[in-house]
C-alpha cells in the first residue's frame, strides 16, 4: 500500500486538511450535477414542458434507485477508511473483496427488478397520461446506467477512503463534458428526443465507471485483490454488511421519502411538475458542496476513529460546524436573491407560472440550508463511528416529517402546493435537534469506544 494515492487525515492542521480533501469532492459532485442540468436545460428548451416534466420525475426515481448502491458503497468506504486509519491493510483487502461481491449482486438484482416492473413504477408515481410514453422511453434507457453507477461509486469511495479525492474528480470531469456534448448531438442535432438525453447520460456514466476501475487497477496494482483476500471472515462480513446496509437504508429511506413527495407533486399537474424539476436541480446544486463536505468529514472521523485520535475528532467537529455554518449562510443569500434568474436557466421566460412556482420553492428551501448542512455532518459522524443506524433514525425523522406534513398541509386550500415546500425545513430541524441531543448524551460513549489510547493531535 505504500505507493497508493493517499492523504493521511490523522495529522496536520484540521481545517486545512478537511478543506483540501473536501474540495475535489465538492467540485466532482458539482460536475456530476451537470449530467442532470444538461438534460434539464436541453430538454426544457428544445423538447418542451411535457418532456421536462417526464425527465424531472424520472430523475427523482433514479436518485432513489441509485441511492441504494450509493449507500452500500459509502458504508463500505467508511469501513475502508477505518481499516486504513488502523493501518491494517490485510483487513482492508478482505473488506474490499466482501463488499465488492455483495454490492455486485445487489446491482444485478436491482437492474432486473426495475426493468421487470417499469410499468408499475410509472403508475405508482401518478404520472399524467400525456407524458407516460415519454417517461417510459426515458427510463428504459436510463436504467441501463445503474451498473455504471455502481462501478464509479465503489472505486471512488475506495480511493477517497485512502485520502485520494482527486482521481474521482478527473473522471467525473471527463464524463460531464462528454455528457453535454452527447446531449447536444443526440437531442438537438439528431432529434432523438428524451431517448437521446437518456442515452447521453448513460454513455457518460459508463465512461466514468469503467474509466475509474481501469485507472485504479492499472495505476495502483497494490489495490488489486489477491487470493489471500478471498476469505470470508465472519467479523468483517458483519462489519461490512452492518455499515453498508445501514447506510443503504438511510440513503434509500431519504430518497423514498422524496419519491413519495414527487408523487404528490405530480398530482398538482404539469406546471408544478416542471417547476419542481427545475427548482430541485438548483436546490441540489446549491447544497451539494456541503453534502460533500459532510462526506469528507465522515472520512476524516473514520480514519481518526481507526487511529484512536479522540481529541482530533472532537476538534474536527468544531471546525466542521463553523465551516458549514459560514458556507450555508452565503449560499442561502445567493439563492434567495437570484431565484428567478436561476429558474430562467431551465425554463423559457414566457413560462411565467412555472417560474413563479419554482421561485416559491427556492425561497423557502434556501432560507434554511443550515438545517441540512448540520444534518449532513451528523450523517457522516455516525457512519464513521460505526453507528450508522443513527443516520437511519435521523433520516426517518426528517423524511417522515416531510412526507406527513407535505400531504397534510398541501390539502389545505389556502396553503396548497406551498405546504410541500414548507414541510422540508421543518423535517431538517427536527432531525438536527434529535441528532445533536443524542450526540451530547452519548458522545463520551462513542468516542471512548475507540480501542486505542488517545494520541496528541
Protein backbone atom coordinates (compact mmCIF):
# COMPACT_ATOMS: atom_id res chain seq x y z
CA UNK A 1 0.00 0.00 0.00
CA UNK A 2 2.96 2.34 0.26
CA UNK A 3 2.51 3.52 -3.33
CA UNK A 4 -1.24 4.02 -3.08
CA UNK A 5 -2.63 7.53 -3.63
CA UNK A 6 -3.47 8.65 -0.14
CA UNK A 7 -3.89 11.62 2.16
CA UNK A 8 -3.41 10.96 5.84
CA UNK A 9 -6.25 12.75 7.62
CA UNK A 10 -4.93 11.81 11.06
CA UNK A 11 -2.31 14.56 11.18
CA UNK A 12 -1.82 18.19 10.22
CA UNK A 13 -3.99 21.28 10.53
CA UNK A 14 -7.58 20.07 10.86
CA UNK A 15 -9.48 22.76 8.94
CA UNK A 16 -6.91 22.90 6.15
CA UNK A 17 -6.77 19.11 5.87
CA UNK A 18 -10.55 18.83 5.75
CA UNK A 19 -10.94 21.54 3.11
CA UNK A 20 -8.14 20.20 0.89
CA UNK A 21 -9.68 16.75 0.98
CA UNK A 22 -13.25 18.01 0.59
CA UNK A 23 -12.64 20.44 -2.27
CA UNK A 24 -12.20 17.80 -5.04
CA UNK A 25 -15.32 16.03 -3.71
CA UNK A 26 -17.28 19.27 -3.99
CA UNK A 27 -16.05 20.02 -7.49
CA UNK A 28 -16.67 16.41 -8.53
CA UNK A 29 -20.27 16.38 -7.38
CA UNK A 30 -20.93 19.77 -8.91
CA UNK A 31 -19.67 18.33 -12.20
CA UNK A 32 -21.91 15.32 -11.69
CA UNK A 33 -24.87 17.65 -11.43
CA UNK A 34 -24.06 18.82 -14.96
CA UNK A 35 -25.30 15.41 -16.08
CA UNK A 36 -28.75 16.33 -14.87
CA UNK A 37 -28.51 20.05 -15.57
CA UNK A 38 -27.54 19.37 -19.18
CA UNK A 39 -30.55 17.09 -19.57
CA UNK A 40 -32.88 19.58 -17.90
CA UNK A 41 -31.69 22.64 -19.84
CA UNK A 42 -31.65 20.97 -23.25
CA UNK A 43 -34.90 19.08 -22.73
CA UNK A 44 -36.66 22.15 -21.32
CA UNK A 45 -35.56 24.43 -24.15
CA UNK A 46 -35.75 22.07 -27.13
CA UNK A 47 -38.39 19.47 -26.23
CA UNK A 48 -40.91 21.44 -24.15
CA UNK A 49 -42.51 21.36 -20.71
CA UNK A 50 -44.00 17.87 -21.14
CA UNK A 51 -40.60 16.31 -21.75
CA UNK A 52 -39.14 18.41 -18.91
CA UNK A 53 -41.79 17.08 -16.51
CA UNK A 54 -41.10 13.49 -17.62
CA UNK A 55 -37.34 13.79 -17.23
CA UNK A 56 -37.70 15.57 -13.86
CA UNK A 57 -39.97 12.88 -12.47
CA UNK A 58 -37.66 10.15 -13.80
CA UNK A 59 -34.70 11.90 -12.18
CA UNK A 60 -36.29 11.61 -8.74
CA UNK A 61 -36.89 7.89 -9.35
CA UNK A 62 -33.31 7.32 -10.48
CA UNK A 63 -31.94 9.15 -7.46
CA UNK A 64 -33.90 6.73 -5.27
CA UNK A 65 -32.67 3.63 -7.12
CA UNK A 66 -29.03 4.66 -7.30
CA UNK A 67 -29.12 5.75 -3.65
CA UNK A 68 -29.29 2.06 -2.76
CA UNK A 69 -25.94 1.45 -4.44
CA UNK A 70 -24.52 4.76 -3.24
CA UNK A 71 -25.40 3.88 0.35
CA UNK A 72 -23.77 0.46 0.07
CA UNK A 73 -20.60 1.99 -1.38
CA UNK A 74 -20.49 4.79 1.20
CA UNK A 75 -20.90 2.32 4.05
CA UNK A 76 -18.09 0.17 2.65
CA UNK A 77 -15.98 3.31 2.25
CA UNK A 78 -16.38 4.05 5.96
CA UNK A 79 -15.06 0.56 6.78
CA UNK A 80 -12.16 1.05 4.35
CA UNK A 81 -11.23 4.37 6.00
CA UNK A 82 -11.32 2.86 9.49
CA UNK A 83 -9.02 0.00 8.44
CA UNK A 84 -6.70 2.44 6.72
CA UNK A 85 -6.59 4.54 9.90
CA UNK A 86 -5.65 1.36 11.77
CA UNK A 87 -3.00 0.66 9.09
CA UNK A 88 -4.43 -2.87 8.83
CA UNK A 89 -4.03 -3.46 5.09
CA UNK A 90 -4.87 -7.17 5.13
CA UNK A 91 -8.21 -6.42 6.75
CA UNK A 92 -8.70 -3.64 4.21
CA UNK A 93 -8.17 -6.09 1.34
CA UNK A 94 -10.60 -8.66 2.75
CA UNK A 95 -13.21 -5.96 3.34
CA UNK A 96 -12.93 -4.87 -0.28
CA UNK A 97 -13.44 -8.42 -1.54
CA UNK A 98 -16.51 -8.92 0.61
CA UNK A 99 -18.10 -5.59 -0.25
CA UNK A 100 -17.45 -5.83 -4.00
CA UNK A 101 -19.07 -9.28 -4.18
CA UNK A 102 -22.05 -8.18 -2.12
CA UNK A 103 -22.74 -4.91 -3.94
CA UNK A 104 -22.29 -6.54 -7.37
CA UNK A 105 -25.05 -9.00 -6.53
CA UNK A 106 -27.36 -6.23 -5.34
CA UNK A 107 -26.70 -4.30 -8.57
CA UNK A 108 -27.75 -7.24 -10.74
CA UNK A 109 -30.92 -7.82 -8.71
CA UNK A 110 -31.85 -4.13 -8.76
CA UNK A 111 -31.38 -3.87 -12.51
CA UNK A 112 -33.58 -6.90 -13.14
CA UNK A 113 -36.36 -5.68 -10.88
CA UNK A 114 -36.67 -2.18 -12.38
CA UNK A 115 -36.88 -3.47 -15.94
CA UNK A 116 -39.47 -6.05 -14.91
CA UNK A 117 -41.63 -3.54 -13.01
CA UNK A 118 -41.20 -0.42 -15.16
CA UNK A 119 -44.92 0.00 -15.96
CA UNK A 120 -45.97 -0.46 -12.35
CA UNK A 121 -43.36 2.05 -11.21
CA UNK A 122 -44.77 4.68 -13.58
CA UNK A 123 -48.30 4.06 -12.26
CA UNK A 124 -47.14 4.39 -8.64
CA UNK A 125 -45.60 7.77 -9.47
CA UNK A 126 -49.02 9.02 -10.66
CA UNK A 127 -47.53 10.27 -13.91
CA UNK A 128 -50.10 12.15 -16.04
CA UNK A 129 -51.28 10.16 -19.05
CA UNK A 130 -49.98 12.72 -21.56
CA UNK A 131 -46.35 12.15 -20.56
CA UNK A 132 -46.40 8.43 -19.64
CA UNK A 133 -44.92 7.43 -23.00
CA UNK A 134 -42.11 9.98 -22.72
CA UNK A 135 -41.21 8.85 -19.22
CA UNK A 136 -41.13 5.16 -20.18
CA UNK A 137 -38.88 5.91 -23.16
CA UNK A 138 -36.51 7.82 -20.90
CA UNK A 139 -36.50 5.22 -18.10
CA UNK A 140 -35.95 2.24 -20.40
CA UNK A 141 -32.61 3.68 -21.47
CA UNK A 142 -31.53 5.37 -18.24
CA UNK A 143 -31.94 2.12 -16.27
CA UNK A 144 -29.01 0.67 -18.23
CA UNK A 145 -26.72 3.08 -16.38
CA UNK A 146 -27.27 1.51 -12.94
CA UNK A 147 -24.25 -0.80 -13.27
CA UNK A 148 -22.05 2.15 -14.25
CA UNK A 149 -23.23 4.00 -11.16
CA UNK A 150 -22.09 1.07 -9.02
CA UNK A 151 -18.64 0.88 -10.62
CA UNK A 152 -17.95 4.56 -10.28
CA UNK A 153 -19.17 4.92 -6.70
CA UNK A 154 -17.43 1.76 -5.47
CA UNK A 155 -13.99 2.73 -6.73
CA UNK A 156 -14.49 6.41 -5.91
CA UNK A 157 -15.28 5.53 -2.29
CA UNK A 158 -12.30 3.16 -2.15
CA UNK A 159 -9.89 5.85 -3.31
CA UNK A 160 -11.44 8.50 -1.07
CA UNK A 161 -11.19 6.21 1.96
CA UNK A 162 -7.42 6.24 1.40
CA UNK A 163 -7.44 10.01 1.07
CA UNK A 164 -7.49 10.32 -2.74
CA UNK A 165 -10.32 12.63 -3.75
CA UNK A 166 -8.65 13.85 -6.97
CA UNK A 167 -8.93 10.81 -9.28
CA UNK A 168 -12.75 10.55 -8.94
CA UNK A 169 -12.93 14.25 -9.80
CA UNK A 170 -10.96 13.76 -13.01
CA UNK A 171 -13.24 11.02 -14.30
CA UNK A 172 -16.36 12.97 -13.45
CA UNK A 173 -14.96 15.97 -15.29
CA UNK A 174 -14.35 13.94 -18.44
CA UNK A 175 -17.78 12.33 -18.37
CA UNK A 176 -19.55 15.63 -17.59
CA UNK A 177 -18.09 17.26 -20.67
CA UNK A 178 -18.91 14.17 -22.73
CA UNK A 179 -22.49 14.19 -21.43
CA UNK A 180 -23.06 17.77 -22.51
CA UNK A 181 -21.61 17.14 -25.96
CA UNK A 182 -23.67 13.98 -26.47
CA UNK A 183 -26.81 15.75 -25.22
CA UNK A 184 -26.43 18.41 -27.88
CA UNK A 185 -25.70 15.84 -30.61
CA UNK A 186 -28.45 13.35 -29.69
CA UNK A 187 -31.21 15.84 -28.84
CA UNK A 188 -30.53 18.94 -30.93
CA UNK A 189 -28.72 17.56 -33.99
CA UNK A 190 -30.14 14.03 -34.33
CA UNK A 191 -33.55 14.90 -32.80
CA UNK A 192 -33.77 11.72 -30.70
CA UNK A 193 -35.92 13.40 -28.04
CA UNK A 194 -35.87 12.16 -24.45
CA UNK A 195 -34.23 8.92 -25.60
CA UNK A 196 -31.25 10.93 -26.74
CA UNK A 197 -30.98 12.73 -23.39
CA UNK A 198 -31.07 9.39 -21.57
CA UNK A 199 -28.53 7.81 -23.91
CA UNK A 200 -26.11 10.69 -23.43
CA UNK A 201 -26.26 10.31 -19.65
CA UNK A 202 -25.79 6.52 -19.72
CA UNK A 203 -22.78 6.68 -22.04
CA UNK A 204 -21.16 9.34 -19.88
CA UNK A 205 -21.79 7.24 -16.76
CA UNK A 206 -20.02 4.25 -18.28
CA UNK A 207 -17.03 6.39 -19.20
CA UNK A 208 -16.61 7.38 -15.55
CA UNK A 209 -17.42 3.92 -14.15
CA UNK A 210 -15.20 1.80 -16.38
CA UNK A 211 -12.57 4.52 -16.52
CA UNK A 212 -12.03 4.70 -12.75
CA UNK A 213 -11.97 0.90 -12.49
CA UNK A 214 -9.20 0.62 -15.08
CA UNK A 215 -7.34 3.56 -13.59
CA UNK A 216 -7.35 2.00 -10.12
CA UNK A 217 -6.12 -1.41 -11.25
CA UNK A 218 -3.55 -0.18 -13.77
CA UNK A 219 -2.16 2.84 -11.93
CA UNK A 220 -2.17 1.25 -8.47
CA UNK A 221 -1.59 -2.52 -8.70
CA UNK A 222 -1.25 -2.70 -4.90
CA UNK A 223 -5.01 -2.09 -4.70
CA UNK A 224 -5.74 -5.26 -6.66
CA UNK A 225 -7.26 -8.12 -4.72
CA UNK A 226 -5.21 -11.28 -4.22
CA UNK A 227 -6.19 -14.83 -3.39
CA UNK A 228 -5.34 -14.22 0.27
CA UNK A 229 -8.11 -11.63 0.43
CA UNK A 230 -10.76 -14.11 -0.72
CA UNK A 231 -11.68 -15.35 2.73
CA UNK A 232 -14.98 -14.91 4.46
CA UNK A 233 -14.09 -13.52 7.85
CA UNK A 234 -17.31 -13.52 9.89
CA UNK A 235 -16.39 -10.37 11.82
CA UNK A 236 -15.56 -8.47 8.64
CA UNK A 237 -18.74 -9.68 6.95
CA UNK A 238 -20.78 -8.37 9.86
CA UNK A 239 -18.94 -5.06 9.81
CA UNK A 240 -19.33 -4.55 6.05
CA UNK A 241 -22.96 -5.68 5.99
CA UNK A 242 -23.75 -3.56 9.03
CA UNK A 243 -22.22 -0.32 7.76
CA UNK A 244 -23.27 -0.88 4.14
CA UNK A 245 -26.83 -1.96 4.86
CA UNK A 246 -27.48 0.81 7.38
CA UNK A 247 -26.07 3.47 5.06
CA UNK A 248 -28.05 1.95 2.20
CA UNK A 249 -31.23 2.04 4.26
CA UNK A 250 -30.50 5.63 5.25
CA UNK A 251 -29.99 6.70 1.63
CA UNK A 252 -32.98 4.68 0.43
CA UNK A 253 -35.35 5.97 3.11
CA UNK A 254 -34.26 9.51 2.31
CA UNK A 255 -34.90 9.14 -1.39
CA UNK A 256 -38.03 7.02 -0.96
CA UNK A 257 -39.50 9.90 1.01
CA UNK A 258 -38.53 12.26 -1.79
CA UNK A 259 -40.12 9.85 -4.27
CA UNK A 260 -43.37 9.95 -2.28
CA UNK A 261 -43.23 13.73 -2.40
CA UNK A 262 -42.68 13.50 -6.17
CA UNK A 263 -45.93 11.55 -6.44
CA UNK A 264 -47.72 14.32 -4.53
CA UNK A 265 -46.11 16.96 -6.76
CA UNK A 266 -47.27 15.06 -9.85
CA UNK A 267 -50.86 15.21 -8.62
CA UNK A 268 -50.74 19.02 -8.95
CA UNK A 269 -50.22 18.81 -12.73
CA UNK A 270 -47.58 19.50 -15.35
CA UNK A 271 -46.85 23.12 -14.34
CA UNK A 272 -45.91 22.20 -10.76
CA UNK A 273 -44.02 19.12 -12.01
CA UNK A 274 -41.92 21.23 -14.38
CA UNK A 275 -41.27 23.89 -11.72
CA UNK A 276 -40.27 21.24 -9.19
CA UNK A 277 -37.98 19.52 -11.72
CA UNK A 278 -36.07 22.73 -12.40
CA UNK A 279 -36.04 24.04 -8.83
CA UNK A 280 -34.81 20.74 -7.37
CA UNK A 281 -31.84 20.85 -9.75
CA UNK A 282 -30.94 24.31 -8.46
CA UNK A 283 -31.58 23.32 -4.86
CA UNK A 284 -29.42 20.19 -5.10
CA UNK A 285 -26.68 22.09 -6.89
CA UNK A 286 -26.66 24.74 -4.17
CA UNK A 287 -26.27 22.47 -1.15
CA UNK A 288 -24.27 19.70 -2.85
CA UNK A 289 -20.91 21.15 -1.65
CA UNK A 290 -21.98 20.96 1.99
CA UNK A 291 -23.13 17.38 1.43
CA UNK A 292 -19.70 16.55 0.04
CA UNK A 293 -18.08 18.30 2.97
CA UNK A 294 -20.14 16.04 5.23
CA UNK A 295 -18.80 13.00 3.36
CA UNK A 296 -15.23 14.33 3.68
CA UNK A 297 -15.85 14.89 7.38
CA UNK A 298 -17.02 11.29 7.64
CA UNK A 299 -13.75 10.01 6.13
CA UNK A 300 -11.81 12.30 8.48
CA UNK A 301 -13.64 10.92 11.53
CA UNK A 302 -13.35 7.31 10.30
CA UNK A 303 -9.58 7.49 9.79
CA UNK A 304 -9.09 9.11 13.20
CA UNK A 305 -11.52 6.67 14.79
CA UNK A 306 -9.37 3.82 13.47
CA UNK A 307 -6.21 5.59 14.62
CA UNK A 308 -7.62 6.21 18.11
CA UNK A 309 -7.39 10.03 17.96
CA UNK A 310 -10.30 11.09 20.14
CA UNK A 311 -9.20 14.69 20.69
CA UNK A 312 -8.64 15.22 16.98
CA UNK A 313 -12.18 14.06 16.26
CA UNK A 314 -13.59 16.49 18.82
CA UNK A 315 -11.58 19.37 17.35
CA UNK A 316 -12.68 18.34 13.86
CA UNK A 317 -16.33 18.53 14.87
CA UNK A 318 -15.95 22.15 15.97
CA UNK A 319 -14.11 23.08 12.79
CA UNK A 320 -16.67 21.34 10.57
CA UNK A 321 -19.67 23.03 12.22
CA UNK A 322 -18.16 26.51 11.79
CA UNK A 323 -17.26 25.82 8.15
CA UNK A 324 -20.73 24.51 7.29
CA UNK A 325 -22.45 27.43 9.02
CA UNK A 326 -20.48 30.03 7.06
CA UNK A 327 -20.95 28.25 3.74
CA UNK A 328 -24.70 27.78 4.20
CA UNK A 329 -25.21 31.43 5.08
CA UNK A 330 -23.52 32.56 1.86
CA UNK A 331 -25.37 30.09 -0.35
CA UNK A 332 -28.73 30.89 1.25
CA UNK A 333 -28.33 34.57 0.48
CA UNK A 334 -27.28 33.94 -3.12
CA UNK A 335 -30.09 31.51 -3.96
CA UNK A 336 -32.79 33.69 -2.38
CA UNK A 337 -31.51 36.76 -4.19
CA UNK A 338 -31.17 35.12 -7.63
CA UNK A 339 -34.00 32.57 -7.51
CA UNK A 340 -35.79 33.94 -10.59
CA UNK A 341 -32.71 34.21 -12.86
CA UNK A 342 -31.72 30.70 -11.79
CA UNK A 343 -35.14 29.35 -12.78
CA UNK A 344 -34.84 31.08 -16.14
CA UNK A 345 -31.74 29.00 -16.86
CA UNK A 346 -34.01 25.94 -17.19
CA UNK A 347 -37.37 27.43 -18.12
CA UNK A 348 -38.24 29.73 -21.01
CA UNK A 349 -39.05 33.30 -19.79
CA UNK A 350 -42.60 33.14 -21.14
CA UNK A 351 -43.41 30.21 -18.80
CA UNK A 352 -44.22 32.67 -16.00
CA UNK A 353 -46.38 30.29 -13.95
CA UNK A 354 -43.66 27.65 -13.83
CA UNK A 355 -41.04 30.25 -12.87
CA UNK A 356 -43.21 31.73 -10.12
CA UNK A 357 -43.85 28.29 -8.61
CA UNK A 358 -40.16 27.43 -8.71
CA UNK A 359 -39.15 30.72 -7.09
CA UNK A 360 -41.57 30.00 -4.24
CA UNK A 361 -39.92 26.64 -3.65
CA UNK A 362 -36.37 28.03 -3.76
CA UNK A 363 -37.10 30.94 -1.42
CA UNK A 364 -38.41 28.63 1.30
CA UNK A 365 -35.73 25.94 0.97
CA UNK A 366 -32.74 28.25 0.56
CA UNK A 367 -33.62 30.20 3.70
CA UNK A 368 -32.97 27.06 5.74
CA UNK A 369 -29.86 25.45 4.19
CA UNK A 370 -28.06 25.47 7.54
CA UNK A 371 -30.55 22.79 8.63
CA UNK A 372 -29.49 20.31 6.00
CA UNK A 373 -25.83 21.31 6.41
CA UNK A 374 -25.81 20.21 10.07
CA UNK A 375 -27.76 17.08 9.13
CA UNK A 376 -25.08 16.02 6.64
CA UNK A 377 -22.43 16.36 9.36
CA UNK A 378 -24.49 14.20 11.69
CA UNK A 379 -24.93 11.54 9.00
CA UNK A 380 -21.18 11.49 8.36
CA UNK A 381 -20.23 11.34 12.03
CA UNK A 382 -22.48 8.45 12.97
CA UNK A 383 -21.45 6.45 9.91
CA UNK A 384 -17.76 6.96 10.71
CA UNK A 385 -18.01 5.74 14.31
CA UNK A 386 -19.92 2.58 13.30
CA UNK A 387 -23.28 3.91 14.45
CA UNK A 388 -24.86 4.12 11.00
CA UNK A 389 -28.22 3.08 12.45
CA UNK A 390 -28.48 6.56 13.99
CA UNK A 391 -28.27 8.04 10.49
CA UNK A 392 -31.30 5.93 9.61
CA UNK A 393 -33.20 7.28 12.63
CA UNK A 394 -32.42 10.88 11.66
CA UNK A 395 -33.45 10.23 8.07
CA UNK A 396 -36.75 8.69 9.13
CA UNK A 397 -37.44 11.72 11.32
CA UNK A 398 -36.50 14.19 8.58
CA UNK A 399 -38.29 12.49 5.69
CA UNK A 400 -41.18 11.15 7.74
CA UNK A 401 -41.96 14.65 8.92
CA UNK A 402 -41.58 15.98 5.40
CA UNK A 403 -43.94 13.43 3.84
CA UNK A 404 -46.64 13.66 6.52
CA UNK A 405 -46.62 17.46 6.60
CA UNK A 406 -46.45 17.73 2.80
CA UNK A 407 -49.60 15.66 2.33
CA UNK A 408 -51.35 17.36 5.26
CA UNK A 409 -50.51 20.98 4.52
CA UNK A 410 -50.95 20.78 0.74
CA UNK A 411 -54.51 19.56 1.29
CA UNK A 412 -55.36 22.89 2.95
CA UNK A 413 -56.70 25.12 0.12
CA UNK A 414 -55.17 28.35 1.41
CA UNK A 415 -51.70 26.71 1.56
CA UNK A 416 -51.79 24.38 -1.45
CA UNK A 417 -48.51 23.40 -3.06
CA UNK A 418 -46.54 25.65 -0.69
CA UNK A 419 -47.26 23.10 2.02
CA UNK A 420 -44.95 20.66 0.22
CA UNK A 421 -42.12 23.18 0.31
CA UNK A 422 -42.67 24.23 3.95
CA UNK A 423 -42.51 20.63 5.15
CA UNK A 424 -38.87 20.25 4.07
CA UNK A 425 -37.05 22.62 6.51
CA UNK A 426 -39.30 21.51 9.37
CA UNK A 427 -38.09 17.94 8.81
CA UNK A 428 -34.45 19.11 8.76
CA UNK A 429 -34.90 20.99 12.04
CA UNK A 430 -36.45 18.10 13.94
CA UNK A 431 -33.74 15.69 12.74
CA UNK A 432 -30.99 18.17 13.72
CA UNK A 433 -32.37 18.58 17.21
CA UNK A 434 -32.59 14.82 17.66
CA UNK A 435 -29.08 14.21 16.33
CA UNK A 436 -27.43 16.93 18.41
CA UNK A 437 -29.21 15.94 21.63
CA UNK A 438 -28.32 12.29 21.07
CA UNK A 439 -24.70 13.19 20.32
CA UNK A 440 -24.47 15.25 23.50
CA UNK A 441 -25.87 12.43 25.62
CA UNK A 442 -23.72 9.62 24.16
CA UNK A 443 -20.66 11.48 22.85
CA UNK A 444 -18.40 10.08 25.55
CA UNK A 445 -19.52 6.52 24.87
CA UNK A 446 -18.95 6.83 21.11
CA UNK A 447 -15.52 8.33 21.30
CA UNK A 448 -14.42 6.14 24.21
CA UNK A 449 -15.30 3.14 22.06
CA UNK A 450 -12.06 3.75 20.24
CA UNK A 451 -9.92 0.86 21.33
CA UNK A 452 -6.66 2.76 21.49
CA UNK A 453 -5.20 5.31 23.84
CA UNK A 454 -5.90 8.84 22.69
CA UNK A 455 -2.99 10.43 20.88
CA UNK A 456 -1.93 14.02 20.56
CA UNK A 457 -3.37 15.93 17.66
